[in-house]
mmCIF file of all heavy atoms, coordinates in Angstrom:
data_MODEL
# 
_entry.id   MODEL 
# 
loop_
_atom_site.group_PDB 
_atom_site.id 
_atom_site.type_symbol 
_atom_site.label_atom_id 
_atom_site.label_alt_id 
_atom_site.label_comp_id 
_atom_site.label_asym_id 
_atom_site.label_entity_id 
_atom_site.label_seq_id 
_atom_site.pdbx_PDB_ins_code 
_atom_site.Cartn_x 
_atom_site.Cartn_y 
_atom_site.Cartn_z 
_atom_site.occupancy 
_atom_site.B_iso_or_equiv 
_atom_site.pdbx_formal_charge 
_atom_site.auth_seq_id 
_atom_site.auth_comp_id 
_atom_site.auth_asym_id 
_atom_site.auth_atom_id 
_atom_site.pdbx_PDB_model_num 
ATOM 1   N N   . LEU A 1 1  ? 93.013  82.235 121.992 1.00 0.00 ? 1  LEU A N   1 
ATOM 2   C CA  . LEU A 1 1  ? 92.359  81.369 121.026 1.00 0.00 ? 1  LEU A CA  1 
ATOM 3   C C   . LEU A 1 1  ? 90.930  81.751 120.700 1.00 0.00 ? 1  LEU A C   1 
ATOM 4   O O   . LEU A 1 1  ? 90.555  81.800 119.539 1.00 0.00 ? 1  LEU A O   1 
ATOM 5   C CB  . LEU A 1 1  ? 92.448  79.894 121.519 1.00 0.00 ? 1  LEU A CB  1 
ATOM 6   C CG  . LEU A 1 1  ? 93.857  79.297 121.521 1.00 0.00 ? 1  LEU A CG  1 
ATOM 7   C CD1 . LEU A 1 1  ? 93.828  77.914 122.187 1.00 0.00 ? 1  LEU A CD1 1 
ATOM 8   C CD2 . LEU A 1 1  ? 94.423  79.199 120.125 1.00 0.00 ? 1  LEU A CD2 1 
ATOM 9   N N   . ARG A 1 2  ? 90.191  82.046 121.729 1.00 0.00 ? 2  ARG A N   1 
ATOM 10  C CA  . ARG A 1 2  ? 88.769  82.395 121.477 1.00 0.00 ? 2  ARG A CA  1 
ATOM 11  C C   . ARG A 1 2  ? 88.622  83.754 120.820 1.00 0.00 ? 2  ARG A C   1 
ATOM 12  O O   . ARG A 1 2  ? 87.726  83.996 120.039 1.00 0.00 ? 2  ARG A O   1 
ATOM 13  C CB  . ARG A 1 2  ? 87.995  82.354 122.785 1.00 0.00 ? 2  ARG A CB  1 
ATOM 14  C CG  . ARG A 1 2  ? 87.879  80.900 123.268 1.00 0.00 ? 2  ARG A CG  1 
ATOM 15  C CD  . ARG A 1 2  ? 86.877  80.598 124.256 1.00 0.00 ? 2  ARG A CD  1 
ATOM 16  N NE  . ARG A 1 2  ? 85.583  81.128 124.030 1.00 0.00 ? 2  ARG A NE  1 
ATOM 17  C CZ  . ARG A 1 2  ? 84.774  81.572 124.994 1.00 0.00 ? 2  ARG A CZ  1 
ATOM 18  N NH1 . ARG A 1 2  ? 85.150  81.548 126.233 1.00 0.00 ? 2  ARG A NH1 1 
ATOM 19  N NH2 . ARG A 1 2  ? 83.559  82.046 124.705 1.00 0.00 ? 2  ARG A NH2 1 
ATOM 20  N N   . GLY A 1 3  ? 89.529  84.645 121.102 1.00 0.00 ? 3  GLY A N   1 
ATOM 21  C CA  . GLY A 1 3  ? 89.519  85.952 120.447 1.00 0.00 ? 3  GLY A CA  1 
ATOM 22  C C   . GLY A 1 3  ? 90.161  85.936 119.072 1.00 0.00 ? 3  GLY A C   1 
ATOM 23  O O   . GLY A 1 3  ? 90.189  86.935 118.396 1.00 0.00 ? 3  GLY A O   1 
ATOM 24  N N   . GLN A 1 4  ? 90.693  84.767 118.713 1.00 0.00 ? 4  GLN A N   1 
ATOM 25  C CA  . GLN A 1 4  ? 91.340  84.557 117.417 1.00 0.00 ? 4  GLN A CA  1 
ATOM 26  C C   . GLN A 1 4  ? 92.527  85.487 117.192 1.00 0.00 ? 4  GLN A C   1 
ATOM 27  O O   . GLN A 1 4  ? 92.768  85.970 116.088 1.00 0.00 ? 4  GLN A O   1 
ATOM 28  C CB  . GLN A 1 4  ? 90.334  84.639 116.247 1.00 0.00 ? 4  GLN A CB  1 
ATOM 29  C CG  . GLN A 1 4  ? 89.265  83.542 116.362 1.00 0.00 ? 4  GLN A CG  1 
ATOM 30  C CD  . GLN A 1 4  ? 88.207  83.621 115.292 1.00 0.00 ? 4  GLN A CD  1 
ATOM 31  O OE1 . GLN A 1 4  ? 88.052  84.647 114.606 1.00 0.00 ? 4  GLN A OE1 1 
ATOM 32  N NE2 . GLN A 1 4  ? 87.503  82.540 115.121 1.00 0.00 ? 4  GLN A NE2 1 
ATOM 33  N N   . TYR A 1 5  ? 93.207  85.806 118.301 1.00 0.00 ? 5  TYR A N   1 
ATOM 34  C CA  . TYR A 1 5  ? 94.422  86.618 118.209 1.00 0.00 ? 5  TYR A CA  1 
ATOM 35  C C   . TYR A 1 5  ? 95.625  85.794 117.650 1.00 0.00 ? 5  TYR A C   1 
ATOM 36  O O   . TYR A 1 5  ? 96.504  86.340 117.053 1.00 0.00 ? 5  TYR A O   1 
ATOM 37  C CB  . TYR A 1 5  ? 94.795  87.190 119.585 1.00 0.00 ? 5  TYR A CB  1 
ATOM 38  C CG  . TYR A 1 5  ? 93.710  88.095 120.109 1.00 0.00 ? 5  TYR A CG  1 
ATOM 39  C CD1 . TYR A 1 5  ? 92.889  87.692 121.185 1.00 0.00 ? 5  TYR A CD1 1 
ATOM 40  C CD2 . TYR A 1 5  ? 93.430  89.338 119.544 1.00 0.00 ? 5  TYR A CD2 1 
ATOM 41  C CE1 . TYR A 1 5  ? 91.895  88.484 121.671 1.00 0.00 ? 5  TYR A CE1 1 
ATOM 42  C CE2 . TYR A 1 5  ? 92.405  90.155 120.018 1.00 0.00 ? 5  TYR A CE2 1 
ATOM 43  C CZ  . TYR A 1 5  ? 91.633  89.731 121.092 1.00 0.00 ? 5  TYR A CZ  1 
ATOM 44  O OH  . TYR A 1 5  ? 90.657  90.519 121.571 1.00 0.00 ? 5  TYR A OH  1 
ATOM 45  N N   . VAL A 1 6  ? 95.580  84.498 117.937 1.00 0.00 ? 6  VAL A N   1 
ATOM 46  C CA  . VAL A 1 6  ? 96.516  83.529 117.345 1.00 0.00 ? 6  VAL A CA  1 
ATOM 47  C C   . VAL A 1 6  ? 95.727  82.309 116.944 1.00 0.00 ? 6  VAL A C   1 
ATOM 48  O O   . VAL A 1 6  ? 94.662  82.017 117.469 1.00 0.00 ? 6  VAL A O   1 
ATOM 49  C CB  . VAL A 1 6  ? 97.613  83.146 118.371 1.00 0.00 ? 6  VAL A CB  1 
ATOM 50  C CG1 . VAL A 1 6  ? 98.492  84.325 118.741 1.00 0.00 ? 6  VAL A CG1 1 
ATOM 51  C CG2 . VAL A 1 6  ? 97.040  82.473 119.572 1.00 0.00 ? 6  VAL A CG2 1 
ATOM 52  N N   . SER A 1 7  ? 96.280  81.552 116.020 1.00 0.00 ? 7  SER A N   1 
ATOM 53  C CA  . SER A 1 7  ? 95.573  80.370 115.577 1.00 0.00 ? 7  SER A CA  1 
ATOM 54  C C   . SER A 1 7  ? 96.341  79.083 115.873 1.00 0.00 ? 7  SER A C   1 
ATOM 55  O O   . SER A 1 7  ? 95.755  78.022 115.895 1.00 0.00 ? 7  SER A O   1 
ATOM 56  C CB  . SER A 1 7  ? 95.255  80.477 114.060 1.00 0.00 ? 7  SER A CB  1 
ATOM 57  O OG  . SER A 1 7  ? 96.487  80.611 113.322 1.00 0.00 ? 7  SER A OG  1 
ATOM 58  N N   . GLY A 1 8  ? 97.615  79.193 116.001 1.00 0.00 ? 8  GLY A N   1 
ATOM 59  C CA  . GLY A 1 8  ? 98.424  78.010 116.185 1.00 0.00 ? 8  GLY A CA  1 
ATOM 60  C C   . GLY A 1 8  ? 98.558  77.602 117.681 1.00 0.00 ? 8  GLY A C   1 
ATOM 61  O O   . GLY A 1 8  ? 98.679  78.500 118.546 1.00 0.00 ? 8  GLY A O   1 
ATOM 62  N N   . GLY A 1 9  ? 98.626  76.318 117.885 1.00 0.00 ? 9  GLY A N   1 
ATOM 63  C CA  . GLY A 1 9  ? 98.800  75.824 119.260 1.00 0.00 ? 9  GLY A CA  1 
ATOM 64  C C   . GLY A 1 9  ? 100.158 76.211 119.879 1.00 0.00 ? 9  GLY A C   1 
ATOM 65  O O   . GLY A 1 9  ? 100.227 76.504 121.055 1.00 0.00 ? 9  GLY A O   1 
ATOM 66  N N   . ARG A 1 10 ? 101.154 76.146 119.079 1.00 0.00 ? 10 ARG A N   1 
ATOM 67  C CA  . ARG A 1 10 ? 102.492 76.459 119.597 1.00 0.00 ? 10 ARG A CA  1 
ATOM 68  C C   . ARG A 1 10 ? 102.611 77.942 119.974 1.00 0.00 ? 10 ARG A C   1 
ATOM 69  O O   . ARG A 1 10 ? 103.164 78.266 121.014 1.00 0.00 ? 10 ARG A O   1 
ATOM 70  C CB  . ARG A 1 10 ? 103.594 76.110 118.568 1.00 0.00 ? 10 ARG A CB  1 
ATOM 71  C CG  . ARG A 1 10 ? 103.817 74.625 118.458 1.00 0.00 ? 10 ARG A CG  1 
ATOM 72  C CD  . ARG A 1 10 ? 104.938 74.294 117.520 1.00 0.00 ? 10 ARG A CD  1 
ATOM 73  N NE  . ARG A 1 10 ? 105.065 72.842 117.399 1.00 0.00 ? 10 ARG A NE  1 
ATOM 74  C CZ  . ARG A 1 10 ? 105.702 72.276 116.416 1.00 0.00 ? 10 ARG A CZ  1 
ATOM 75  N NH1 . ARG A 1 10 ? 106.255 72.996 115.463 1.00 0.00 ? 10 ARG A NH1 1 
ATOM 76  N NH2 . ARG A 1 10 ? 105.781 70.974 116.382 1.00 0.00 ? 10 ARG A NH2 1 
ATOM 77  N N   . MET A 1 11 ? 102.092 78.800 119.100 1.00 0.00 ? 11 MET A N   1 
ATOM 78  C CA  . MET A 1 11 ? 102.184 80.218 119.408 1.00 0.00 ? 11 MET A CA  1 
ATOM 79  C C   . MET A 1 11 ? 101.325 80.576 120.610 1.00 0.00 ? 11 MET A C   1 
ATOM 80  O O   . MET A 1 11 ? 101.718 81.381 121.470 1.00 0.00 ? 11 MET A O   1 
ATOM 81  C CB  . MET A 1 11 ? 101.773 81.077 118.193 1.00 0.00 ? 11 MET A CB  1 
ATOM 82  C CG  . MET A 1 11 ? 101.967 82.577 118.427 1.00 0.00 ? 11 MET A CG  1 
ATOM 83  S SD  . MET A 1 11 ? 103.629 83.075 118.953 1.00 0.00 ? 11 MET A SD  1 
ATOM 84  C CE  . MET A 1 11 ? 104.586 82.932 117.474 1.00 0.00 ? 11 MET A CE  1 
ATOM 85  N N   . SER A 1 12 ? 100.155 79.992 120.698 1.00 0.00 ? 12 SER A N   1 
ATOM 86  C CA  . SER A 1 12 ? 99.278  80.288 121.869 1.00 0.00 ? 12 SER A CA  1 
ATOM 87  C C   . SER A 1 12 ? 99.936  79.769 123.134 1.00 0.00 ? 12 SER A C   1 
ATOM 88  O O   . SER A 1 12 ? 99.899  80.458 124.174 1.00 0.00 ? 12 SER A O   1 
ATOM 89  C CB  . SER A 1 12 ? 97.874  79.664 121.696 1.00 0.00 ? 12 SER A CB  1 
ATOM 90  O OG  . SER A 1 12 ? 97.923  78.241 121.753 1.00 0.00 ? 12 SER A OG  1 
ATOM 91  N N   . ALA A 1 13 ? 100.612 78.658 123.114 1.00 0.00 ? 13 ALA A N   1 
ATOM 92  C CA  . ALA A 1 13 ? 101.279 78.135 124.297 1.00 0.00 ? 13 ALA A CA  1 
ATOM 93  C C   . ALA A 1 13 ? 102.485 79.006 124.671 1.00 0.00 ? 13 ALA A C   1 
ATOM 94  O O   . ALA A 1 13 ? 102.666 79.381 125.843 1.00 0.00 ? 13 ALA A O   1 
ATOM 95  C CB  . ALA A 1 13 ? 101.816 76.688 124.066 1.00 0.00 ? 13 ALA A CB  1 
ATOM 96  N N   . PHE A 1 14 ? 103.253 79.449 123.682 1.00 0.00 ? 14 PHE A N   1 
ATOM 97  C CA  . PHE A 1 14 ? 104.381 80.311 123.939 1.00 0.00 ? 14 PHE A CA  1 
ATOM 98  C C   . PHE A 1 14 ? 103.936 81.639 124.544 1.00 0.00 ? 14 PHE A C   1 
ATOM 99  O O   . PHE A 1 14 ? 104.434 82.106 125.613 1.00 0.00 ? 14 PHE A O   1 
ATOM 100 C CB  . PHE A 1 14 ? 105.152 80.619 122.626 1.00 0.00 ? 14 PHE A CB  1 
ATOM 101 C CG  . PHE A 1 14 ? 106.208 81.662 122.783 1.00 0.00 ? 14 PHE A CG  1 
ATOM 102 C CD1 . PHE A 1 14 ? 107.385 81.420 123.475 1.00 0.00 ? 14 PHE A CD1 1 
ATOM 103 C CD2 . PHE A 1 14 ? 106.019 82.895 122.293 1.00 0.00 ? 14 PHE A CD2 1 
ATOM 104 C CE1 . PHE A 1 14 ? 108.362 82.368 123.625 1.00 0.00 ? 14 PHE A CE1 1 
ATOM 105 C CE2 . PHE A 1 14 ? 107.002 83.906 122.399 1.00 0.00 ? 14 PHE A CE2 1 
ATOM 106 C CZ  . PHE A 1 14 ? 108.170 83.596 123.079 1.00 0.00 ? 14 PHE A CZ  1 
ATOM 107 N N   . LEU A 1 15 ? 102.919 82.286 123.950 1.00 0.00 ? 15 LEU A N   1 
ATOM 108 C CA  . LEU A 1 15 ? 102.422 83.551 124.431 1.00 0.00 ? 15 LEU A CA  1 
ATOM 109 C C   . LEU A 1 15 ? 101.757 83.395 125.777 1.00 0.00 ? 15 LEU A C   1 
ATOM 110 O O   . LEU A 1 15 ? 101.879 84.288 126.656 1.00 0.00 ? 15 LEU A O   1 
ATOM 111 C CB  . LEU A 1 15 ? 101.496 84.231 123.429 1.00 0.00 ? 15 LEU A CB  1 
ATOM 112 C CG  . LEU A 1 15 ? 102.134 84.699 122.122 1.00 0.00 ? 15 LEU A CG  1 
ATOM 113 C CD1 . LEU A 1 15 ? 101.132 85.207 121.147 1.00 0.00 ? 15 LEU A CD1 1 
ATOM 114 C CD2 . LEU A 1 15 ? 103.218 85.724 122.445 1.00 0.00 ? 15 LEU A CD2 1 
ATOM 115 N N   . SER A 1 16 ? 101.045 82.312 126.017 1.00 0.00 ? 16 SER A N   1 
ATOM 116 C CA  . SER A 1 16 ? 100.404 82.058 127.291 1.00 0.00 ? 16 SER A CA  1 
ATOM 117 C C   . SER A 1 16 ? 101.476 81.931 128.377 1.00 0.00 ? 16 SER A C   1 
ATOM 118 O O   . SER A 1 16 ? 101.276 82.439 129.522 1.00 0.00 ? 16 SER A O   1 
ATOM 119 C CB  . SER A 1 16 ? 99.527  80.806 127.263 1.00 0.00 ? 16 SER A CB  1 
ATOM 120 O OG  . SER A 1 16 ? 98.507  80.979 126.288 1.00 0.00 ? 16 SER A OG  1 
ATOM 121 N N   . GLY A 1 17 ? 102.548 81.216 128.091 1.00 0.00 ? 17 GLY A N   1 
ATOM 122 C CA  . GLY A 1 17 ? 103.626 81.129 129.069 1.00 0.00 ? 17 GLY A CA  1 
ATOM 123 C C   . GLY A 1 17 ? 104.273 82.455 129.329 1.00 0.00 ? 17 GLY A C   1 
ATOM 124 O O   . GLY A 1 17 ? 104.639 82.806 130.475 1.00 0.00 ? 17 GLY A O   1 
ATOM 125 N N   . CYS A 1 18 ? 104.429 83.268 128.273 1.00 0.00 ? 18 CYS A N   1 
ATOM 126 C CA  . CYS A 1 18 ? 104.996 84.651 128.463 1.00 0.00 ? 18 CYS A CA  1 
ATOM 127 C C   . CYS A 1 18 ? 104.078 85.449 129.359 1.00 0.00 ? 18 CYS A C   1 
ATOM 128 O O   . CYS A 1 18 ? 104.561 86.210 130.211 1.00 0.00 ? 18 CYS A O   1 
ATOM 129 C CB  . CYS A 1 18 ? 105.159 85.298 127.105 1.00 0.00 ? 18 CYS A CB  1 
ATOM 130 S SG  . CYS A 1 18 ? 106.512 84.612 126.096 1.00 0.00 ? 18 CYS A SG  1 
ATOM 131 N N   . VAL A 1 19 ? 102.788 85.354 129.132 1.00 0.00 ? 19 VAL A N   1 
ATOM 132 C CA  . VAL A 1 19 ? 101.829 86.139 129.988 1.00 0.00 ? 19 VAL A CA  1 
ATOM 133 C C   . VAL A 1 19 ? 101.937 85.706 131.456 1.00 0.00 ? 19 VAL A C   1 
ATOM 134 O O   . VAL A 1 19 ? 102.039 86.539 132.334 1.00 0.00 ? 19 VAL A O   1 
ATOM 135 C CB  . VAL A 1 19 ? 100.386 86.004 129.492 1.00 0.00 ? 19 VAL A CB  1 
ATOM 136 C CG1 . VAL A 1 19 ? 99.393  86.497 130.506 1.00 0.00 ? 19 VAL A CG1 1 
ATOM 137 C CG2 . VAL A 1 19 ? 100.228 86.748 128.119 1.00 0.00 ? 19 VAL A CG2 1 
ATOM 138 N N   . ALA A 1 20 ? 102.051 84.413 131.652 1.00 0.00 ? 20 ALA A N   1 
ATOM 139 C CA  . ALA A 1 20 ? 102.155 83.886 133.033 1.00 0.00 ? 20 ALA A CA  1 
ATOM 140 C C   . ALA A 1 20 ? 103.449 84.438 133.694 1.00 0.00 ? 20 ALA A C   1 
ATOM 141 O O   . ALA A 1 20 ? 103.461 84.829 134.884 1.00 0.00 ? 20 ALA A O   1 
ATOM 142 C CB  . ALA A 1 20 ? 102.142 82.376 133.054 1.00 0.00 ? 20 ALA A CB  1 
ATOM 143 N N   . LEU A 1 21 ? 104.526 84.423 132.916 1.00 0.00 ? 21 LEU A N   1 
ATOM 144 C CA  . LEU A 1 21 ? 105.759 84.972 133.503 1.00 0.00 ? 21 LEU A CA  1 
ATOM 145 C C   . LEU A 1 21 ? 105.752 86.433 133.714 1.00 0.00 ? 21 LEU A C   1 
ATOM 146 O O   . LEU A 1 21 ? 106.306 86.945 134.697 1.00 0.00 ? 21 LEU A O   1 
ATOM 147 C CB  . LEU A 1 21 ? 106.961 84.607 132.554 1.00 0.00 ? 21 LEU A CB  1 
ATOM 148 C CG  . LEU A 1 21 ? 107.478 83.195 132.681 1.00 0.00 ? 21 LEU A CG  1 
ATOM 149 C CD1 . LEU A 1 21 ? 108.539 82.901 131.632 1.00 0.00 ? 21 LEU A CD1 1 
ATOM 150 C CD2 . LEU A 1 21 ? 107.992 82.868 134.049 1.00 0.00 ? 21 LEU A CD2 1 
ATOM 151 N N   . ALA A 1 22 ? 105.067 87.152 132.869 1.00 0.00 ? 22 ALA A N   1 
ATOM 152 C CA  . ALA A 1 22 ? 104.881 88.609 133.057 1.00 0.00 ? 22 ALA A CA  1 
ATOM 153 C C   . ALA A 1 22 ? 104.056 88.904 134.329 1.00 0.00 ? 22 ALA A C   1 
ATOM 154 O O   . ALA A 1 22 ? 104.397 89.806 135.046 1.00 0.00 ? 22 ALA A O   1 
ATOM 155 C CB  . ALA A 1 22 ? 104.188 89.227 131.835 1.00 0.00 ? 22 ALA A CB  1 
ATOM 156 N N   . VAL A 1 23 ? 103.032 88.098 134.558 1.00 0.00 ? 23 VAL A N   1 
ATOM 157 C CA  . VAL A 1 23 ? 102.208 88.245 135.738 1.00 0.00 ? 23 VAL A CA  1 
ATOM 158 C C   . VAL A 1 23 ? 103.098 87.996 136.975 1.00 0.00 ? 23 VAL A C   1 
ATOM 159 O O   . VAL A 1 23 ? 103.070 88.746 137.975 1.00 0.00 ? 23 VAL A O   1 
ATOM 160 C CB  . VAL A 1 23 ? 101.016 87.324 135.722 1.00 0.00 ? 23 VAL A CB  1 
ATOM 161 C CG1 . VAL A 1 23 ? 100.331 87.222 137.072 1.00 0.00 ? 23 VAL A CG1 1 
ATOM 162 C CG2 . VAL A 1 23 ? 99.983  87.775 134.705 1.00 0.00 ? 23 VAL A CG2 1 
ATOM 163 N N   . SER A 1 24 ? 103.932 86.967 136.895 1.00 0.00 ? 24 SER A N   1 
ATOM 164 C CA  . SER A 1 24 ? 104.798 86.619 138.053 1.00 0.00 ? 24 SER A CA  1 
ATOM 165 C C   . SER A 1 24 ? 105.822 87.712 138.277 1.00 0.00 ? 24 SER A C   1 
ATOM 166 O O   . SER A 1 24 ? 106.060 88.097 139.422 1.00 0.00 ? 24 SER A O   1 
ATOM 167 C CB  . SER A 1 24 ? 105.486 85.282 137.747 1.00 0.00 ? 24 SER A CB  1 
ATOM 168 O OG  . SER A 1 24 ? 106.343 84.966 138.833 1.00 0.00 ? 24 SER A OG  1 
ATOM 169 N N   . ALA A 1 25 ? 106.410 88.195 137.185 1.00 0.00 ? 25 ALA A N   1 
ATOM 170 C CA  . ALA A 1 25 ? 107.423 89.273 137.352 1.00 0.00 ? 25 ALA A CA  1 
ATOM 171 C C   . ALA A 1 25 ? 106.795 90.539 137.928 1.00 0.00 ? 25 ALA A C   1 
ATOM 172 O O   . ALA A 1 25 ? 107.382 91.185 138.816 1.00 0.00 ? 25 ALA A O   1 
ATOM 173 C CB  . ALA A 1 25 ? 108.092 89.548 136.025 1.00 0.00 ? 25 ALA A CB  1 
ATOM 174 N N   . PHE A 1 26 ? 105.620 90.866 137.480 1.00 0.00 ? 26 PHE A N   1 
ATOM 175 C CA  . PHE A 1 26 ? 104.932 92.074 138.002 1.00 0.00 ? 26 PHE A CA  1 
ATOM 176 C C   . PHE A 1 26 ? 104.659 91.890 139.486 1.00 0.00 ? 26 PHE A C   1 
ATOM 177 O O   . PHE A 1 26 ? 104.794 92.790 140.280 1.00 0.00 ? 26 PHE A O   1 
ATOM 178 C CB  . PHE A 1 26 ? 103.625 92.374 137.225 1.00 0.00 ? 26 PHE A CB  1 
ATOM 179 C CG  . PHE A 1 26 ? 102.933 93.576 137.765 1.00 0.00 ? 26 PHE A CG  1 
ATOM 180 C CD1 . PHE A 1 26 ? 103.451 94.815 137.484 1.00 0.00 ? 26 PHE A CD1 1 
ATOM 181 C CD2 . PHE A 1 26 ? 101.754 93.464 138.476 1.00 0.00 ? 26 PHE A CD2 1 
ATOM 182 C CE1 . PHE A 1 26 ? 102.791 95.952 137.969 1.00 0.00 ? 26 PHE A CE1 1 
ATOM 183 C CE2 . PHE A 1 26 ? 101.121 94.580 138.998 1.00 0.00 ? 26 PHE A CE2 1 
ATOM 184 C CZ  . PHE A 1 26 ? 101.630 95.820 138.695 1.00 0.00 ? 26 PHE A CZ  1 
ATOM 185 N N   . TYR A 1 27 ? 104.205 90.685 139.872 1.00 0.00 ? 27 TYR A N   1 
ATOM 186 C CA  . TYR A 1 27 ? 103.934 90.398 141.293 1.00 0.00 ? 27 TYR A CA  1 
ATOM 187 C C   . TYR A 1 27 ? 105.242 90.568 142.120 1.00 0.00 ? 27 TYR A C   1 
ATOM 188 O O   . TYR A 1 27 ? 105.190 91.121 143.240 1.00 0.00 ? 27 TYR A O   1 
ATOM 189 C CB  . TYR A 1 27 ? 103.350 89.046 141.475 1.00 0.00 ? 27 TYR A CB  1 
ATOM 190 C CG  . TYR A 1 27 ? 103.029 88.715 142.931 1.00 0.00 ? 27 TYR A CG  1 
ATOM 191 C CD1 . TYR A 1 27 ? 101.876 89.198 143.503 1.00 0.00 ? 27 TYR A CD1 1 
ATOM 192 C CD2 . TYR A 1 27 ? 103.928 87.966 143.718 1.00 0.00 ? 27 TYR A CD2 1 
ATOM 193 C CE1 . TYR A 1 27 ? 101.567 88.929 144.806 1.00 0.00 ? 27 TYR A CE1 1 
ATOM 194 C CE2 . TYR A 1 27 ? 103.634 87.726 145.030 1.00 0.00 ? 27 TYR A CE2 1 
ATOM 195 C CZ  . TYR A 1 27 ? 102.456 88.237 145.596 1.00 0.00 ? 27 TYR A CZ  1 
ATOM 196 O OH  . TYR A 1 27 ? 102.212 87.971 146.918 1.00 0.00 ? 27 TYR A OH  1 
ATOM 197 N N   . GLU A 1 28 ? 106.326 90.117 141.604 1.00 0.00 ? 28 GLU A N   1 
ATOM 198 C CA  . GLU A 1 28 ? 107.594 90.256 142.337 1.00 0.00 ? 28 GLU A CA  1 
ATOM 199 C C   . GLU A 1 28 ? 107.980 91.731 142.468 1.00 0.00 ? 28 GLU A C   1 
ATOM 200 O O   . GLU A 1 28 ? 108.523 92.120 143.464 1.00 0.00 ? 28 GLU A O   1 
ATOM 201 C CB  . GLU A 1 28 ? 108.715 89.471 141.629 1.00 0.00 ? 28 GLU A CB  1 
ATOM 202 C CG  . GLU A 1 28 ? 108.560 87.946 141.640 1.00 0.00 ? 28 GLU A CG  1 
ATOM 203 C CD  . GLU A 1 28 ? 108.506 87.345 143.033 1.00 0.00 ? 28 GLU A CD  1 
ATOM 204 O OE1 . GLU A 1 28 ? 109.019 87.969 143.993 1.00 0.00 ? 28 GLU A OE1 1 
ATOM 205 O OE2 . GLU A 1 28 ? 107.960 86.253 143.183 1.00 0.00 ? 28 GLU A OE2 1 
ATOM 206 N N   . LEU A 1 29 ? 107.653 92.530 141.461 1.00 0.00 ? 29 LEU A N   1 
ATOM 207 C CA  . LEU A 1 29 ? 107.888 93.979 141.575 1.00 0.00 ? 29 LEU A CA  1 
ATOM 208 C C   . LEU A 1 29 ? 107.029 94.575 142.658 1.00 0.00 ? 29 LEU A C   1 
ATOM 209 O O   . LEU A 1 29 ? 107.477 95.414 143.443 1.00 0.00 ? 29 LEU A O   1 
ATOM 210 C CB  . LEU A 1 29 ? 107.675 94.646 140.232 1.00 0.00 ? 29 LEU A CB  1 
ATOM 211 C CG  . LEU A 1 29 ? 108.722 94.379 139.163 1.00 0.00 ? 29 LEU A CG  1 
ATOM 212 C CD1 . LEU A 1 29 ? 108.288 95.016 137.842 1.00 0.00 ? 29 LEU A CD1 1 
ATOM 213 C CD2 . LEU A 1 29 ? 110.081 94.940 139.565 1.00 0.00 ? 29 LEU A CD2 1 
# 
């Protein structure tokens, strides 16, 4: 949001959740 990579709340929430899952999956690896 601060970098203005996305403007919508839904898209930022979706992508933020995806990043969190990617971090978790990488940790499991």
